[in-house]
Amino acid sequence: MRLFSKIIGGGLTETVKGIAGVFTPNKEAQSQRDAEARAASMVQYAAEFNVHANRNWFDSIVDGLNRLVRPIMAYSVIGFFGVVIYDVDLAMKAIQSLAIVPTGMWALLSIIVTFYFGGRMHLKGKQFLVTKAQLEASKSMAELRKDNADTVSADEYVNSMSDTKKTLPNNVILEWKRRRG
């Protein structure tokens, strides 16, 4: 009896706990690690925001200028379309002056813009990934449309459209047929 209780009570239980701990994490220890990670991230956020408290006017101006680059580029492109509408001659002069910029300079500008916007596109692009459920839903919608579609051959369509005696419910099509003669 002692041997049986020793196997079940002591050595075997601890061995099973040790082996199970390898395959499944200890929930209490995992909760402790999660709490420590959250506390560390809060300390980091606090440190980032405390840096802004010790800034002077020059730091604020430079930070504001750094935040203006993206909106200035976007509004400049949109504003160019307004210039084209308002003054075509000025737009033509601007386009001609841009045409004499060397190809290497355009390549350098495109590299700078790509690196500037690339990180943001990488982060935002992950939001647009298609999930498996969305893919399955689109496949089922396509199958449903295929099952419900009234298929008409191209010849049948042309014949039905050229038949002027047949009344169609769409007035635009009737007018088009009338003008075609």
C-alpha atoms as a PDB file:
ATOM      1  CA  MET A   1       0.000   0.000   0.000  1.00  0.00           C
ATOM      2  CA  ARG A   2       2.865   2.326   0.807  1.00  0.00           C
ATOM      3  CA  LEU A   3       4.462   1.651  -2.521  1.00  0.00           C
ATOM      4  CA  PHE A   4       1.226   2.393  -4.347  1.00  0.00           C
ATOM      5  CA  SER A   5       0.683   5.718  -2.518  1.00  0.00           C
ATOM      6  CA  LYS A   6       4.301   6.682  -3.072  1.00  0.00           C
ATOM      7  CA  ILE A   7       3.968   6.070  -6.831  1.00  0.00           C
ATOM      8  CA  ILE A   8       0.673   7.882  -7.145  1.00  0.00           C
ATOM      9  CA  GLY A   9       1.184  10.538  -4.495  1.00  0.00           C
ATOM     10  CA  GLY A  10       4.752  11.608  -5.030  1.00  0.00           C
ATOM     11  CA  GLY A  11       6.942  10.651  -7.901  1.00  0.00           C
ATOM     12  CA  LEU A  12       4.432   9.937 -10.640  1.00  0.00           C
ATOM     13  CA  THR A  13       2.362  13.081 -10.039  1.00  0.00           C
ATOM     14  CA  GLU A  14       5.387  15.354 -10.178  1.00  0.00           C
ATOM     15  CA  THR A  15       6.651  13.615 -13.300  1.00  0.00           C
ATOM     16  CA  VAL A  16       3.304  14.059 -15.059  1.00  0.00           C
ATOM     17  CA  LYS A  17       3.197  17.749 -14.045  1.00  0.00           C
ATOM     18  CA  GLY A  18       6.693  18.272 -15.378  1.00  0.00           C
ATOM     19  CA  ILE A  19       5.943  16.584 -18.692  1.00  0.00           C
ATOM     20  CA  ALA A  20       2.607  18.379 -19.085  1.00  0.00           C
ATOM     21  CA  GLY A  21       4.324  21.707 -18.375  1.00  0.00           C
ATOM     22  CA  VAL A  22       6.446  21.217 -21.452  1.00  0.00           C
ATOM     23  CA  PHE A  23       3.418  20.909 -23.731  1.00  0.00           C
ATOM     24  CA  THR A  24       1.004  23.336 -22.053  1.00  0.00           C
ATOM     25  CA  PRO A  25       2.081  26.566 -20.364  1.00  0.00           C
ATOM     26  CA  ASN A  26       1.344  27.194 -16.746  1.00  0.00           C
ATOM     27  CA  LYS A  27      -1.626  29.565 -16.769  1.00  0.00           C
ATOM     28  CA  GLU A  28      -0.574  31.401 -13.627  1.00  0.00           C
ATOM     29  CA  ALA A  29       2.961  31.930 -14.905  1.00  0.00           C
ATOM     30  CA  GLN A  30       1.574  33.004 -18.304  1.00  0.00           C
ATOM     31  CA  SER A  31      -0.703  35.555 -16.619  1.00  0.00           C
ATOM     32  CA  GLN A  32       2.267  36.892 -14.660  1.00  0.00           C
ATOM     33  CA  ARG A  33       4.333  37.249 -17.854  1.00  0.00           C
ATOM     34  CA  ASP A  34       1.441  39.012 -19.624  1.00  0.00           C
ATOM     35  CA  ALA A  35       1.029  41.449 -16.722  1.00  0.00           C
ATOM     36  CA  GLU A  36       4.750  42.201 -16.761  1.00  0.00           C
ATOM     37  CA  ALA A  37       4.681  42.801 -20.527  1.00  0.00           C
ATOM     38  CA  ARG A  38       1.710  45.186 -20.180  1.00  0.00           C
ATOM     39  CA  ALA A  39       3.446  47.048 -17.349  1.00  0.00           C
ATOM     40  CA  ALA A  40       6.637  47.349 -19.414  1.00  0.00           C
ATOM     41  CA  SER A  41       4.722  48.731 -22.396  1.00  0.00           C
ATOM     42  CA  MET A  42       2.976  51.278 -20.169  1.00  0.00           C
ATOM     43  CA  VAL A  43       6.352  52.396 -18.811  1.00  0.00           C
ATOM     44  CA  GLN A  44       7.594  52.785 -22.386  1.00  0.00           C
ATOM     45  CA  TYR A  45       4.532  54.832 -23.395  1.00  0.00           C
ATOM     46  CA  ALA A  46       4.946  57.040 -20.330  1.00  0.00           C
ATOM     47  CA  ALA A  47       8.598  57.627 -21.215  1.00  0.00           C
ATOM     48  CA  GLU A  48       7.651  58.628 -24.770  1.00  0.00           C
ATOM     49  CA  PHE A  49       5.056  61.129 -23.586  1.00  0.00           C
ATOM     50  CA  ASN A  50       7.304  62.582 -20.873  1.00  0.00           C
ATOM     51  CA  VAL A  51       9.844  63.480 -23.547  1.00  0.00           C
ATOM     52  CA  HIS A  52       7.264  65.860 -25.031  1.00  0.00           C
ATOM     53  CA  ALA A  53       6.898  67.641 -21.689  1.00  0.00           C
ATOM     54  CA  ASN A  54      10.532  68.818 -21.772  1.00  0.00           C
ATOM     55  CA  ARG A  55      10.421  70.266 -25.280  1.00  0.00           C
ATOM     56  CA  ASN A  56      11.151  73.828 -26.291  1.00  0.00           C
ATOM     57  CA  TRP A  57       9.632  75.878 -29.104  1.00  0.00           C
ATOM     58  CA  PHE A  58      12.210  74.694 -31.662  1.00  0.00           C
ATOM     59  CA  ASP A  59      11.382  71.030 -31.003  1.00  0.00           C
ATOM     60  CA  SER A  60       7.692  71.800 -31.490  1.00  0.00           C
ATOM     61  CA  ILE A  61       8.325  73.578 -34.801  1.00  0.00           C
ATOM     62  CA  VAL A  62      10.487  70.734 -36.157  1.00  0.00           C
ATOM     63  CA  ASP A  63       7.906  68.159 -35.064  1.00  0.00           C
ATOM     64  CA  GLY A  64       5.178  70.159 -36.821  1.00  0.00           C
ATOM     65  CA  LEU A  65       7.236  70.407 -40.017  1.00  0.00           C
ATOM     66  CA  ASN A  66       7.847  66.654 -39.971  1.00  0.00           C
ATOM     67  CA  ARG A  67       4.102  66.061 -39.785  1.00  0.00           C
ATOM     68  CA  LEU A  68       3.387  68.370 -42.742  1.00  0.00           C
ATOM     69  CA  VAL A  69       5.277  66.454 -45.449  1.00  0.00           C
ATOM     70  CA  ARG A  70       2.568  63.911 -46.311  1.00  0.00           C
ATOM     71  CA  PRO A  71      -0.351  66.401 -46.425  1.00  0.00           C
ATOM     72  CA  ILE A  72       1.675  68.898 -48.473  1.00  0.00           C
ATOM     73  CA  MET A  73       2.510  66.233 -51.050  1.00  0.00           C
ATOM     74  CA  ALA A  74      -1.093  65.062 -51.295  1.00  0.00           C
ATOM     75  CA  TYR A  75      -2.613  68.544 -51.490  1.00  0.00           C
ATOM     76  CA  SER A  76       0.000  69.626 -54.055  1.00  0.00           C
ATOM     77  CA  VAL A  77      -1.075  66.873 -56.427  1.00  0.00           C
ATOM     78  CA  ILE A  78      -4.747  67.738 -55.931  1.00  0.00           C
ATOM     79  CA  GLY A  79      -3.962  71.449 -56.245  1.00  0.00           C
ATOM     80  CA  PHE A  80      -2.229  70.865 -59.575  1.00  0.00           C
ATOM     81  CA  PHE A  81      -5.557  69.719 -61.036  1.00  0.00           C
ATOM     82  CA  GLY A  82      -7.071  72.992 -59.835  1.00  0.00           C
ATOM     83  CA  VAL A  83      -4.274  74.923 -61.526  1.00  0.00           C
ATOM     84  CA  VAL A  84      -4.952  73.073 -64.782  1.00  0.00           C
ATOM     85  CA  ILE A  85      -8.604  74.119 -64.614  1.00  0.00           C
ATOM     86  CA  TYR A  86      -7.846  77.706 -63.602  1.00  0.00           C
ATOM     87  CA  ASP A  87      -4.828  78.532 -65.783  1.00  0.00           C
ATOM     88  CA  VAL A  88      -3.866  76.113 -68.542  1.00  0.00           C
ATOM     89  CA  ASP A  89      -0.839  78.169 -69.615  1.00  0.00           C
ATOM     90  CA  LEU A  90       0.639  78.075 -66.109  1.00  0.00           C
ATOM     91  CA  ALA A  91       0.056  74.311 -65.940  1.00  0.00           C
ATOM     92  CA  MET A  92       1.791  73.846 -69.306  1.00  0.00           C
ATOM     93  CA  LYS A  93       4.803  75.850 -68.094  1.00  0.00           C
ATOM     94  CA  ALA A  94       4.974  73.699 -64.963  1.00  0.00           C
ATOM     95  CA  ILE A  95       4.782  70.480 -66.977  1.00  0.00           C
ATOM     96  CA  GLN A  96       7.461  71.700 -69.408  1.00  0.00           C
ATOM     97  CA  SER A  97       9.776  72.633 -66.550  1.00  0.00           C
ATOM     98  CA  LEU A  98       9.251  69.201 -64.967  1.00  0.00           C
ATOM     99  CA  ALA A  99      10.077  67.576 -68.305  1.00  0.00           C
ATOM    100  CA  ILE A 100      13.667  68.877 -68.193  1.00  0.00           C
ATOM    101  CA  VAL A 101      14.392  67.252 -64.808  1.00  0.00           C
ATOM    102  CA  PRO A 102      16.947  64.452 -65.363  1.00  0.00           C
ATOM    103  CA  THR A 103      15.812  60.847 -65.049  1.00  0.00           C
ATOM    104  CA  GLY A 104      18.201  60.205 -62.176  1.00  0.00           C
ATOM    105  CA  MET A 105      16.556  62.929 -60.120  1.00  0.00           C
ATOM    106  CA  TRP A 106      13.130  61.369 -60.729  1.00  0.00           C
ATOM    107  CA  ALA A 107      14.517  58.010 -59.628  1.00  0.00           C
ATOM    108  CA  LEU A 108      15.933  59.567 -56.462  1.00  0.00           C
ATOM    109  CA  LEU A 109      12.632  61.301 -55.700  1.00  0.00           C
ATOM    110  CA  SER A 110      10.689  58.098 -56.246  1.00  0.00           C
ATOM    111  CA  ILE A 111      13.029  56.198 -53.901  1.00  0.00           C
ATOM    112  CA  ILE A 112      12.600  58.842 -51.194  1.00  0.00           C
ATOM    113  CA  VAL A 113       8.827  58.860 -51.532  1.00  0.00           C
ATOM    114  CA  THR A 114       8.727  55.054 -51.562  1.00  0.00           C
ATOM    115  CA  PHE A 115      10.699  54.809 -48.340  1.00  0.00           C
ATOM    116  CA  TYR A 116       8.680  57.600 -46.750  1.00  0.00           C
ATOM    117  CA  PHE A 117       5.310  56.066 -47.570  1.00  0.00           C
ATOM    118  CA  GLY A 118       6.430  52.435 -47.740  1.00  0.00           C
ATOM    119  CA  GLY A 119       6.413  51.756 -44.014  1.00  0.00           C
ATOM    120  CA  ARG A 120       2.920  53.142 -43.693  1.00  0.00           C
ATOM    121  CA  MET A 121       1.720  51.100 -46.663  1.00  0.00           C
ATOM    122  CA  HIS A 122       3.239  47.965 -45.157  1.00  0.00           C
ATOM    123  CA  LEU A 123       1.381  48.501 -41.885  1.00  0.00           C
ATOM    124  CA  LYS A 124      -1.900  49.561 -43.482  1.00  0.00           C
ATOM    125  CA  GLY A 125      -1.701  46.837 -46.143  1.00  0.00           C
ATOM    126  CA  LYS A 126      -2.144  44.158 -43.503  1.00  0.00           C
ATOM    127  CA  GLN A 127      -5.637  45.527 -42.831  1.00  0.00           C
ATOM    128  CA  PHE A 128      -6.684  44.687 -46.375  1.00  0.00           C
ATOM    129  CA  LEU A 129      -5.782  41.005 -46.334  1.00  0.00           C
ATOM    130  CA  VAL A 130      -8.653  38.769 -47.331  1.00  0.00           C
ATOM    131  CA  THR A 131      -9.721  36.329 -44.649  1.00  0.00           C
ATOM    132  CA  LYS A 132     -10.652  32.748 -45.393  1.00  0.00           C
ATOM    133  CA  ALA A 133     -14.296  33.436 -44.476  1.00  0.00           C
ATOM    134  CA  GLN A 134     -14.455  36.329 -46.962  1.00  0.00           C
ATOM    135  CA  LEU A 135     -12.964  34.141 -49.661  1.00  0.00           C
ATOM    136  CA  GLU A 136     -15.496  31.374 -49.025  1.00  0.00           C
ATOM    137  CA  ALA A 137     -18.350  33.902 -49.049  1.00  0.00           C
ATOM    138  CA  SER A 138     -17.232  35.344 -52.376  1.00  0.00           C
ATOM    139  CA  LYS A 139     -16.951  31.844 -53.878  1.00  0.00           C
ATOM    140  CA  SER A 140     -20.459  30.946 -52.742  1.00  0.00           C
ATOM    141  CA  MET A 141     -21.801  34.253 -54.145  1.00  0.00           C
ATOM    142  CA  ALA A 142     -20.128  33.531 -57.491  1.00  0.00           C
ATOM    143  CA  GLU A 143     -21.649  30.047 -57.585  1.00  0.00           C
ATOM    144  CA  LEU A 144     -25.054  31.475 -56.686  1.00  0.00           C
ATOM    145  CA  ARG A 145     -24.812  34.031 -59.495  1.00  0.00           C
ATOM    146  CA  LYS A 146     -23.713  31.353 -61.947  1.00  0.00           C
ATOM    147  CA  ASP A 147     -26.668  29.155 -60.988  1.00  0.00           C
ATOM    148  CA  ASN A 148     -29.184  32.010 -61.300  1.00  0.00           C
ATOM    149  CA  ALA A 149     -27.787  33.643 -64.438  1.00  0.00           C
ATOM    150  CA  ASP A 150     -29.865  33.608 -67.588  1.00  0.00           C
ATOM    151  CA  THR A 151     -27.261  32.856 -70.188  1.00  0.00           C
ATOM    152  CA  VAL A 152     -27.828  34.356 -73.606  1.00  0.00           C
ATOM    153  CA  SER A 153     -25.524  33.835 -76.544  1.00  0.00           C
ATOM    154  CA  ALA A 154     -24.021  36.816 -78.333  1.00  0.00           C
ATOM    155  CA  ASP A 155     -26.116  36.151 -81.462  1.00  0.00           C
ATOM    156  CA  GLU A 156     -29.347  36.061 -79.456  1.00  0.00           C
ATOM    157  CA  TYR A 157     -28.389  39.333 -77.783  1.00  0.00           C
ATOM    158  CA  VAL A 158     -27.637  41.079 -81.077  1.00  0.00           C
ATOM    159  CA  ASN A 159     -30.872  39.771 -82.625  1.00  0.00           C
ATOM    160  CA  SER A 160     -32.961  40.898 -79.674  1.00  0.00           C
ATOM    161  CA  MET A 161     -31.357  44.332 -79.684  1.00  0.00           C
ATOM    162  CA  SER A 162     -31.781  44.858 -83.415  1.00  0.00           C
ATOM    163  CA  ASP A 163     -35.444  43.824 -83.414  1.00  0.00           C
ATOM    164  CA  THR A 164     -37.182  47.215 -83.524  1.00  0.00           C
ATOM    165  CA  LYS A 165     -40.672  45.777 -83.462  1.00  0.00           C
ATOM    166  CA  LYS A 166     -40.161  44.246 -80.038  1.00  0.00           C
ATOM    167  CA  THR A 167     -40.960  46.746 -77.276  1.00  0.00           C
ATOM    168  CA  LEU A 168     -38.390  47.056 -74.570  1.00  0.00           C
ATOM    169  CA  PRO A 169     -39.056  48.563 -71.167  1.00  0.00           C
ATOM    170  CA  ASN A 170     -35.973  50.792 -71.284  1.00  0.00           C
ATOM    171  CA  ASN A 171     -36.589  54.156 -72.992  1.00  0.00           C
ATOM    172  CA  VAL A 172     -32.874  54.759 -73.533  1.00  0.00           C
ATOM    173  CA  ILE A 173     -32.540  51.558 -75.562  1.00  0.00           C
ATOM    174  CA  LEU A 174     -35.664  52.435 -77.546  1.00  0.00           C
ATOM    175  CA  GLU A 175     -34.248  55.862 -78.362  1.00  0.00           C
ATOM    176  CA  TRP A 176     -30.920  54.297 -79.374  1.00  0.00           C
ATOM    177  CA  LYS A 177     -32.721  51.895 -81.688  1.00  0.00           C
ATOM    178  CA  ARG A 178     -34.787  54.727 -83.161  1.00  0.00           C
ATOM    179  CA  ARG A 179     -31.655  56.784 -83.929  1.00  0.00           C
ATOM    180  CA  ARG A 180     -29.872  53.797 -85.486  1.00  0.00           C
ATOM    181  CA  GLY A 181     -32.677  53.476 -87.927  1.00  0.00           C
END
